[in-house]
Amino acid sequence: MIDPVLLRENPDLIRRSQEARRSPVDLVDQALEADRERRTAITSFEELRAEQNAFGKTVAQAPKDEKAALVAQVKGLSERVKLAQQQVTDAETRFNEIVGAIQNPIIDGVPAGGEDDFVTLREVGEKPTFDFEPKDHLELGETLGAIDMQRGTKVSGARFYYLRGIGARLELAIMNMALDRALAEGFIPLITPTLVKPEIMAGTGFLGAHADEVYYLPADDLYLTGTSEVALAGYHSDEIIDVADAPIRYAGWSTCYRREAGSYGRDTRGIIRVHQFNKLEMFVYTTPQEAEAEHLRLLGWQEGMLQALGLSYRVIDTAAGDLGSSAARKYDVEAWVPTQDAFRELTSTSNCTTYQARRLNIRYRGESGKTSPVATLNGTLATTRWLVALLETHQQADGSVVVPEALRPYLGGLDVIRPL
C-alpha cells in the first residue's frame, strides 16, 4: 500500500508512476477524494464522541429529577455516534480498496513502458560458441538421464517433469551452493510453508493483476505460493522488528507453484516455464534509507552466482509496466541460452520499498522511538530453471556436459556429466 501522506502531499509523483506503469492514473484522484471523505468522517465521529463524553459527565452530575430527560438525549446522541462510526468504517473501507489498487510508486530512473522497454545495464561473459550443432537443454537432459518430461506429463499433466539421477543432483548442488553463499553473507536459512492465508498473499501484492497465476484451495481458504517471498514477507507481519542498525536477511528454500495462466504457447518445451519448481529466495527487511543500497547488494550476489557457474548474462532495468504491483524497481538477470540465440531470465531482484510492509503492518522503531514501516526486498539466488543455461552452455560435442569448477564440490568432485 502506498503512503497516504505521500498521496496527499505529492499526488503528481504517484500520477507519473501510474502513467509510466501504463496503469490507471484516475485512481489517484479517486484516492484523494476517498481520503478527504475518510478524514471528514473521522473528524465528525471524534467531535460526536467528545460531545458524548462531555454530555455523560453532565448527566452524572445532574439532579435526579432532570436525569430522565437527559438520559433520553444521551440515547439519541449514542445513535448518532454509532452512525458516525459506521460512516468511518465505510469510508476507510472505500479508501483502502482504492489505494490498494494503486501500485508502488516507481523509483526515479526506472524506464517507462512495457515488457520490451527495459534498459540493458551490462552484458557479462562471452557467449559460448560451438563447432557442432548444440542440443537444447531437454535433449541434453534426456540423453544424460537427467530430465523426464514424458513421465511428468503422464503423472501430473503438461508442464510437469521429473528430475532424475544427475538432474536431481544438479539441482540440489546449485541450491546448496547458493545456500552456502547466502550463509556467508549473514542470511538466516528458512524452509518455508508453501500454503499461506489470503491476507498474507494479498499483503505481498500477489492477488492483483496476476492472481490468475496463483493456485487456490477453496476448501481450506489457502493459497499455494509461487515463491517463498510470500511466506518470508508474512513471517514478521504485525510485528515491530529491529532493523535500525542492520538488515534482517533470510534465505527461503521452498517448492513453488505457478499456474502460468495466459502463457500457453510460450516456452512449452522443457523446464523453462513449468508449474512446479524449487527455489532459494533471498528476502531482506531493512530501513527505507538503506533499501536501494541493499538492492544493489542482492544483485551483486546474484551475479556472483552466475559468474561462478560460467554463464554469460545481461542485467536489465525492468520497465515500469513490466513490474509487479509491489516492486518500485526490479533488475532481471538473463542468461544466454545458446539454442534459443537469446537471453532468458534466470533470476530477478525487486525493491518493494515500504509497500508490502504497510499492507502487512511490519514496522521498526527509529531514533525518536516512533514506529515506521520497514522496506522489503527480494531476489532469487538459485532455481530449477538455472539447469537450462548450465546444460546448454557447458555441453560438448559428444553430448557430455562439463561441470563448472565451483559446483564440483557439491557433486562429489564430478567434473564431466556423460550420456547414459
Protein backbone atom coordinates (compact mmCIF):
# COMPACT_ATOMS: atom_id res chain seq x y z
CA MET A 1 0.00 0.00 0.00
CA ILE A 2 1.25 3.46 -0.81
CA ASP A 3 1.97 6.07 1.87
CA PRO A 4 -1.21 8.14 2.48
CA VAL A 5 0.94 11.16 3.37
CA LEU A 6 2.76 10.87 0.04
CA LEU A 7 -0.62 10.66 -1.69
CA ARG A 8 -1.79 13.91 -0.11
CA GLU A 9 1.49 15.83 -0.38
CA ASN A 10 2.78 14.66 -3.76
CA PRO A 11 -0.03 13.14 -5.84
CA ASP A 12 1.75 14.12 -9.06
CA LEU A 13 4.58 11.72 -8.24
CA ILE A 14 2.09 8.88 -7.98
CA ARG A 15 0.32 10.01 -11.16
CA ARG A 16 3.63 9.91 -13.04
CA SER A 17 4.34 6.46 -11.68
CA GLN A 18 0.94 5.14 -12.72
CA GLU A 19 1.42 6.62 -16.17
CA ALA A 20 4.88 5.06 -16.52
CA ARG A 21 3.41 1.72 -15.47
CA ARG A 22 0.59 2.14 -18.00
CA SER A 23 -1.85 1.82 -15.12
CA PRO A 24 -4.99 3.90 -14.45
CA VAL A 25 -3.99 7.44 -13.45
CA ASP A 26 -7.52 8.41 -12.37
CA LEU A 27 -7.14 6.12 -9.35
CA VAL A 28 -5.04 8.87 -7.77
CA ASP A 29 -7.89 11.40 -7.89
CA GLN A 30 -10.32 8.78 -6.64
CA ALA A 31 -7.97 8.02 -3.76
CA LEU A 32 -7.62 11.71 -2.88
CA GLU A 33 -11.39 12.13 -2.77
CA ALA A 34 -11.78 8.95 -0.70
CA ASP A 35 -9.09 10.22 1.67
CA ARG A 36 -10.92 13.52 2.11
CA GLU A 37 -14.17 11.68 2.82
CA ARG A 38 -12.39 9.38 5.26
CA ARG A 39 -10.81 12.25 7.20
CA THR A 40 -14.09 14.19 7.27
CA ALA A 41 -15.87 11.12 8.64
CA ILE A 42 -13.18 10.63 11.29
CA THR A 43 -13.41 14.29 12.36
CA SER A 44 -17.22 14.12 12.64
CA PHE A 45 -17.01 10.93 14.67
CA GLU A 46 -14.39 12.34 17.03
CA GLU A 47 -16.42 15.52 17.59
CA LEU A 48 -19.53 13.49 18.39
CA ARG A 49 -17.57 11.23 20.74
CA ALA A 50 -16.21 14.29 22.55
CA GLU A 51 -19.73 15.66 22.79
CA GLN A 52 -20.96 12.32 24.08
CA ASN A 53 -18.26 12.16 26.74
CA ALA A 54 -18.93 15.70 27.89
CA PHE A 55 -22.68 15.09 27.98
CA GLY A 56 -22.11 11.92 30.01
CA LYS A 57 -20.45 13.98 32.74
CA THR A 58 -23.36 16.40 32.69
CA VAL A 59 -25.81 13.54 33.18
CA ALA A 60 -23.77 12.11 36.03
CA GLN A 61 -23.81 15.44 37.87
CA ALA A 62 -27.47 16.36 37.15
CA PRO A 63 -30.20 16.31 39.82
CA LYS A 64 -32.37 13.19 39.84
CA ASP A 65 -35.46 14.98 38.53
CA GLU A 66 -33.52 16.07 35.40
CA LYS A 67 -31.75 12.80 34.65
CA ALA A 68 -34.64 11.07 32.89
CA ALA A 69 -34.82 13.76 30.21
CA LEU A 70 -31.05 13.86 29.86
CA VAL A 71 -30.80 10.07 29.51
CA ALA A 72 -33.19 10.26 26.56
CA GLN A 73 -30.91 12.82 24.93
CA VAL A 74 -27.91 10.55 25.61
CA LYS A 75 -29.65 7.73 23.79
CA GLY A 76 -30.19 9.90 20.73
CA LEU A 77 -26.58 11.06 20.84
CA SER A 78 -25.40 7.46 21.11
CA GLU A 79 -27.29 6.59 17.94
CA ARG A 80 -25.60 9.48 16.13
CA VAL A 81 -22.18 8.31 17.38
CA LYS A 82 -22.92 4.77 16.23
CA LEU A 83 -23.93 6.02 12.78
CA ALA A 84 -20.82 8.21 12.56
CA GLN A 85 -18.63 5.25 13.48
CA GLN A 86 -20.18 3.18 10.71
CA GLN A 87 -19.56 6.02 8.28
CA VAL A 88 -15.88 5.99 9.30
CA THR A 89 -15.71 2.24 8.70
CA ASP A 90 -17.35 2.58 5.29
CA ALA A 91 -15.09 5.48 4.30
CA GLU A 92 -11.95 3.64 5.39
CA THR A 93 -13.02 0.52 3.51
CA ARG A 94 -13.55 2.50 0.31
CA PHE A 95 -10.24 4.35 0.76
CA ASN A 96 -8.32 1.11 1.33
CA GLU A 97 -9.90 -0.51 -1.71
CA ILE A 98 -8.91 2.37 -3.99
CA VAL A 99 -5.44 2.90 -2.51
CA GLY A 100 -4.84 -0.85 -2.56
CA ALA A 101 -5.29 -0.78 -6.33
CA ILE A 102 -2.55 1.83 -6.79
CA GLN A 103 0.80 0.22 -7.47
CA ASN A 104 4.02 1.02 -5.64
CA PRO A 105 5.45 4.33 -6.91
CA ILE A 106 8.48 3.59 -9.04
CA ILE A 107 11.96 4.81 -8.11
CA ASP A 108 13.42 7.66 -10.15
CA GLY A 109 15.19 6.36 -13.23
CA VAL A 110 13.05 3.29 -13.81
CA PRO A 111 12.29 3.21 -17.55
CA ALA A 112 8.69 3.82 -18.57
CA GLY A 113 6.80 1.45 -20.82
CA GLY A 114 6.11 -2.25 -21.13
CA GLU A 115 7.90 -5.56 -21.43
CA ASP A 116 10.11 -4.52 -24.34
CA ASP A 117 11.11 -1.13 -22.93
CA PHE A 118 13.77 -2.34 -20.48
CA VAL A 119 17.23 -0.80 -20.35
CA THR A 120 20.27 -3.08 -20.61
CA LEU A 121 22.74 -2.11 -17.90
CA ARG A 122 25.54 -4.51 -18.83
CA GLU A 123 26.45 -7.77 -20.51
CA VAL A 124 28.92 -10.05 -18.75
CA GLY A 125 30.87 -13.06 -20.04
CA GLU A 126 31.47 -14.39 -23.53
CA LYS A 127 28.59 -16.13 -25.25
CA PRO A 128 29.50 -19.76 -25.84
CA THR A 129 30.28 -20.85 -29.39
CA PHE A 130 30.36 -24.41 -30.71
CA ASP A 131 31.94 -26.20 -33.65
CA PHE A 132 28.99 -28.63 -33.62
CA GLU A 133 25.20 -28.31 -33.60
CA PRO A 134 24.34 -27.67 -29.94
CA LYS A 135 21.50 -29.57 -28.32
CA ASP A 136 18.83 -27.84 -26.26
CA HIS A 137 18.54 -28.47 -22.54
CA LEU A 138 15.76 -31.02 -22.86
CA GLU A 139 17.58 -33.16 -25.41
CA LEU A 140 20.70 -32.98 -23.26
CA GLY A 141 18.70 -33.74 -20.13
CA GLU A 142 17.12 -36.82 -21.71
CA THR A 143 20.46 -38.08 -23.04
CA LEU A 144 22.04 -37.63 -19.63
CA GLY A 145 19.11 -39.28 -17.85
CA ALA A 146 18.54 -36.00 -16.00
CA ILE A 147 15.09 -34.81 -17.13
CA ASP A 148 11.97 -36.89 -17.78
CA MET A 149 9.15 -34.76 -19.17
CA GLN A 150 7.18 -37.69 -20.57
CA ARG A 151 6.56 -39.33 -17.21
CA GLY A 152 5.97 -35.95 -15.58
CA THR A 153 3.15 -35.36 -18.05
CA LYS A 154 1.83 -38.90 -17.54
CA VAL A 155 1.63 -38.45 -13.78
CA SER A 156 0.68 -34.77 -13.39
CA GLY A 157 -0.11 -33.27 -16.80
CA ALA A 158 1.52 -30.72 -19.07
CA ARG A 159 4.44 -28.65 -17.74
CA PHE A 160 5.37 -31.16 -15.07
CA TYR A 161 8.58 -33.17 -15.09
CA TYR A 162 10.89 -35.41 -13.13
CA LEU A 163 14.49 -34.55 -12.37
CA ARG A 164 16.22 -37.88 -12.02
CA GLY A 165 19.73 -39.09 -11.37
CA ILE A 166 22.25 -36.38 -12.18
CA GLY A 167 19.40 -33.92 -12.85
CA ALA A 168 18.23 -34.17 -9.23
CA ARG A 169 21.81 -33.97 -8.02
CA LEU A 170 22.50 -30.90 -10.17
CA GLU A 171 19.53 -29.00 -8.78
CA LEU A 172 20.48 -29.83 -5.20
CA ALA A 173 24.09 -28.88 -5.93
CA ILE A 174 23.10 -25.45 -7.26
CA MET A 175 20.73 -24.86 -4.36
CA ASN A 176 23.35 -25.87 -1.77
CA MET A 177 26.00 -23.73 -3.45
CA ALA A 178 23.60 -20.79 -3.29
CA LEU A 179 22.78 -21.52 0.34
CA ASP A 180 26.45 -21.55 1.31
CA ARG A 181 26.93 -18.19 -0.38
CA ALA A 182 23.88 -16.77 1.40
CA LEU A 183 25.14 -18.03 4.77
CA ALA A 184 28.46 -16.30 4.13
CA GLU A 185 26.58 -13.00 3.76
CA GLY A 186 24.66 -13.40 7.00
CA PHE A 187 21.39 -14.80 5.69
CA ILE A 188 19.32 -16.94 8.05
CA PRO A 189 18.06 -20.07 6.24
CA LEU A 190 14.36 -20.90 6.40
CA ILE A 191 12.37 -23.74 4.89
CA THR A 192 9.04 -22.02 4.47
CA PRO A 193 5.39 -23.09 4.28
CA THR A 194 4.07 -23.30 0.73
CA LEU A 195 0.45 -22.74 1.75
CA VAL A 196 -0.48 -19.29 3.10
CA LYS A 197 -3.58 -17.41 4.20
CA PRO A 198 -5.33 -14.95 1.86
CA GLU A 199 -4.28 -11.92 3.91
CA ILE A 200 -0.61 -12.87 3.55
CA MET A 201 -0.90 -13.47 -0.19
CA ALA A 202 -2.76 -10.17 -0.62
CA GLY A 203 -0.29 -8.36 1.64
CA THR A 204 2.61 -9.18 -0.62
CA GLY A 205 0.72 -7.94 -3.70
CA PHE A 206 0.22 -11.26 -5.47
CA LEU A 207 -3.57 -11.09 -5.71
CA GLY A 208 -3.68 -8.21 -8.17
CA ALA A 209 -3.28 -8.40 -11.92
CA HIS A 210 -1.59 -11.82 -11.76
CA ALA A 211 -3.98 -13.51 -9.35
CA ASP A 212 -4.97 -15.99 -12.06
CA GLU A 213 -1.45 -17.45 -11.90
CA VAL A 214 -1.86 -18.47 -8.24
CA TYR A 215 -3.22 -21.86 -7.18
CA TYR A 216 -6.06 -21.56 -4.66
CA LEU A 217 -7.52 -24.29 -2.43
CA PRO A 218 -11.08 -23.09 -1.67
CA ALA A 219 -11.87 -25.91 0.76
CA ASP A 220 -9.05 -24.69 3.01
CA ASP A 221 -9.03 -20.99 2.02
CA LEU A 222 -5.29 -21.21 1.41
CA TYR A 223 -3.02 -20.30 -1.49
CA LEU A 224 -0.04 -22.22 -2.86
CA THR A 225 2.92 -19.87 -3.07
CA GLY A 226 4.72 -19.16 -6.32
CA THR A 227 7.77 -18.02 -4.36
CA SER A 228 8.89 -18.22 -0.74
CA GLU A 229 8.88 -14.40 -0.84
CA VAL A 230 5.24 -14.61 0.24
CA ALA A 231 5.89 -16.68 3.36
CA LEU A 232 9.05 -14.70 4.13
CA ALA A 233 7.16 -11.41 3.93
CA GLY A 234 4.45 -12.79 6.21
CA TYR A 235 6.99 -14.07 8.74
CA HIS A 236 7.10 -10.73 10.59
CA SER A 237 3.58 -9.48 9.81
CA ASP A 238 2.03 -7.39 12.61
CA GLU A 239 5.42 -7.09 14.33
CA ILE A 240 7.89 -4.38 15.29
CA ILE A 241 11.36 -5.60 14.31
CA ASP A 242 14.87 -4.28 14.86
CA VAL A 243 16.48 -3.16 11.59
CA ALA A 244 17.78 0.23 12.70
CA ASP A 245 21.41 -0.94 12.91
CA ALA A 246 21.49 -3.82 10.39
CA PRO A 247 19.13 -5.52 7.93
CA ILE A 248 17.47 -8.85 8.67
CA ARG A 249 18.24 -11.28 5.83
CA TYR A 250 16.51 -14.60 5.22
CA ALA A 251 17.17 -17.28 2.62
CA GLY A 252 13.98 -19.22 1.98
CA TRP A 253 14.14 -22.69 0.42
CA SER A 254 10.83 -23.95 -0.93
CA THR A 255 8.93 -25.63 -3.71
CA CYS A 256 6.99 -23.10 -5.78
CA TYR A 257 3.78 -23.44 -7.77
CA ARG A 258 2.52 -21.33 -10.67
CA ARG A 259 -0.47 -21.86 -12.91
CA GLU A 260 1.25 -19.94 -15.74
CA ALA A 261 -2.17 -18.73 -16.86
CA GLY A 262 -2.10 -16.96 -20.20
CA SER A 263 1.36 -18.27 -21.08
CA TYR A 264 0.31 -21.22 -23.20
CA GLY A 265 2.27 -21.45 -26.42
CA ARG A 266 5.32 -19.86 -24.74
CA ASP A 267 8.31 -21.90 -23.59
CA THR A 268 6.34 -25.13 -23.63
CA ARG A 269 9.41 -27.25 -24.33
CA GLY A 270 11.49 -28.36 -21.39
CA ILE A 271 11.68 -26.82 -17.93
CA ILE A 272 11.77 -23.08 -18.65
CA ARG A 273 8.13 -22.38 -17.80
CA VAL A 274 6.65 -25.06 -15.56
CA HIS A 275 4.03 -25.39 -12.83
CA GLN A 276 6.34 -26.60 -10.06
CA PHE A 277 9.98 -25.89 -9.25
CA ASN A 278 12.38 -25.33 -6.36
CA LYS A 279 13.96 -22.05 -5.43
CA LEU A 280 16.24 -20.37 -2.90
CA GLU A 281 14.92 -16.86 -2.33
CA MET A 282 16.75 -14.03 -0.58
CA PHE A 283 14.47 -11.75 1.43
CA VAL A 284 15.56 -8.64 3.33
CA TYR A 285 13.95 -6.34 5.87
CA THR A 286 15.75 -3.02 6.22
CA THR A 287 15.19 0.70 6.70
CA PRO A 288 13.80 2.67 3.75
CA GLN A 289 17.03 4.69 3.66
CA GLU A 290 19.14 1.56 3.09
CA ALA A 291 16.83 -0.16 0.61
CA GLU A 292 18.46 0.99 -2.63
CA ALA A 293 21.97 0.09 -1.46
CA GLU A 294 20.73 -3.32 -0.31
CA HIS A 295 19.08 -3.82 -3.69
CA LEU A 296 22.45 -3.48 -5.39
CA ARG A 297 23.96 -5.96 -2.93
CA LEU A 298 21.31 -8.54 -3.80
CA LEU A 299 22.02 -8.01 -7.47
CA GLY A 300 25.74 -8.43 -6.85
CA TRP A 301 25.23 -11.75 -5.08
CA GLN A 302 23.08 -12.99 -7.95
CA GLU A 303 25.71 -12.00 -10.50
CA GLY A 304 28.36 -13.74 -8.41
CA MET A 305 26.42 -17.00 -8.69
CA LEU A 306 26.11 -16.76 -12.48
CA GLN A 307 29.77 -15.88 -12.86
CA ALA A 308 30.81 -18.83 -10.68
CA LEU A 309 28.74 -21.12 -12.91
CA GLY A 310 30.43 -19.77 -16.03
CA LEU A 311 27.25 -18.34 -17.56
CA SER A 312 27.08 -15.41 -19.96
CA TYR A 313 24.36 -12.97 -18.93
CA ARG A 314 22.98 -9.47 -19.05
CA VAL A 315 21.41 -7.27 -16.39
CA ILE A 316 18.34 -5.23 -17.32
CA ASP A 317 16.46 -2.46 -15.54
CA THR A 318 12.89 -3.65 -15.97
CA ALA A 319 10.41 -1.14 -17.39
CA ALA A 320 7.67 0.19 -15.12
CA GLY A 321 4.86 -1.52 -16.99
CA ASP A 322 6.52 -4.90 -16.53
CA LEU A 323 6.93 -4.56 -12.75
CA GLY A 324 4.75 -6.38 -10.28
CA SER A 325 2.48 -4.12 -8.24
CA SER A 326 4.78 -4.31 -5.18
CA ALA A 327 8.09 -3.56 -6.90
CA ALA A 328 9.38 0.01 -7.13
CA ARG A 329 12.35 -1.23 -9.17
CA LYS A 330 13.36 -4.65 -10.48
CA TYR A 331 16.56 -5.89 -12.05
CA ASP A 332 16.39 -9.03 -14.16
CA VAL A 333 19.46 -11.16 -14.74
CA GLU A 334 19.12 -13.04 -18.02
CA ALA A 335 21.46 -15.86 -19.04
CA TRP A 336 22.38 -16.61 -22.63
CA VAL A 337 20.61 -19.76 -23.90
CA PRO A 338 22.57 -20.91 -26.97
CA THR A 339 19.87 -22.90 -28.78
CA GLN A 340 17.44 -20.01 -28.50
CA ASP A 341 20.06 -17.45 -29.51
CA ALA A 342 18.64 -15.22 -26.80
CA PHE A 343 18.99 -14.07 -23.23
CA ARG A 344 16.38 -15.65 -20.94
CA GLU A 345 15.55 -14.60 -17.39
CA LEU A 346 17.12 -16.77 -14.72
CA THR A 347 16.64 -14.52 -11.73
CA SER A 348 15.41 -11.12 -10.62
CA THR A 349 15.60 -8.87 -7.60
CA SER A 350 12.98 -6.32 -6.50
CA ASN A 351 12.97 -3.36 -4.15
CA CYS A 352 9.45 -3.18 -2.74
CA THR A 353 10.23 -0.15 -0.53
CA THR A 354 7.54 0.09 2.21
CA TYR A 355 4.66 -1.16 0.03
CA GLN A 356 4.44 -4.71 1.41
CA ALA A 357 5.27 -3.68 4.96
CA ARG A 358 2.37 -1.22 5.06
CA ARG A 359 -0.03 -3.93 3.95
CA LEU A 360 1.39 -6.47 6.40
CA ASN A 361 1.94 -3.98 9.27
CA ILE A 362 5.67 -4.58 9.70
CA ARG A 363 7.45 -1.71 11.43
CA TYR A 364 10.70 -0.71 13.07
CA ARG A 365 11.42 1.82 15.81
CA GLY A 366 13.58 4.77 14.81
CA GLU A 367 15.79 7.00 16.97
CA SER A 368 12.79 9.08 18.03
CA GLY A 369 11.02 6.00 19.30
CA LYS A 370 8.32 6.36 16.67
CA THR A 371 7.49 3.29 14.59
CA SER A 372 7.61 3.37 10.78
CA PRO A 373 7.15 0.77 8.03
CA VAL A 374 10.27 -1.19 7.06
CA ALA A 375 11.41 -1.71 3.48
CA THR A 376 11.37 -5.22 1.98
CA LEU A 377 13.45 -6.61 -0.87
CA ASN A 378 13.69 -9.98 -2.55
CA GLY A 379 15.89 -11.79 -5.04
CA THR A 380 16.30 -15.35 -6.27
CA LEU A 381 19.72 -16.93 -5.74
CA ALA A 382 19.04 -20.32 -7.35
CA THR A 383 16.16 -22.13 -9.02
CA THR A 384 15.40 -25.12 -11.23
CA ARG A 385 15.49 -23.00 -14.39
CA TRP A 386 19.24 -22.46 -13.96
CA LEU A 387 19.73 -26.02 -15.28
CA VAL A 388 18.63 -24.77 -18.71
CA ALA A 389 21.54 -22.35 -19.16
CA LEU A 390 24.03 -24.56 -17.35
CA LEU A 391 23.44 -27.65 -19.52
CA GLU A 392 23.38 -25.74 -22.80
CA THR A 393 26.38 -23.52 -22.05
CA HIS A 394 28.73 -26.30 -20.92
CA GLN A 395 27.80 -29.04 -23.40
CA GLN A 396 30.37 -30.85 -25.54
CA ALA A 397 30.18 -32.48 -28.95
CA ASP A 398 29.67 -35.99 -27.54
CA GLY A 399 26.63 -34.89 -25.52
CA SER A 400 28.52 -34.65 -22.24
CA VAL A 401 28.39 -31.56 -20.03
CA VAL A 402 31.35 -30.03 -18.17
CA VAL A 403 30.57 -29.24 -14.54
CA PRO A 404 31.67 -25.70 -13.55
CA GLU A 405 34.55 -25.89 -11.10
CA ALA A 406 32.65 -24.05 -8.36
CA LEU A 407 29.88 -26.67 -8.48
CA ARG A 408 32.10 -29.76 -8.37
CA PRO A 409 32.46 -29.94 -4.55
CA TYR A 410 28.67 -30.27 -4.35
CA LEU A 411 28.74 -33.25 -6.75
CA GLY A 412 31.47 -35.25 -5.04
CA GLY A 413 34.15 -33.85 -7.33
CA LEU A 414 32.38 -34.83 -10.57
CA ASP A 415 33.86 -32.81 -13.45
CA VAL A 416 32.00 -34.14 -16.50
CA ILE A 417 28.46 -35.49 -16.83
CA ARG A 418 28.34 -38.14 -19.54
CA PRO A 419 25.42 -39.60 -21.50
CA LEU A 420 23.98 -42.85 -20.19
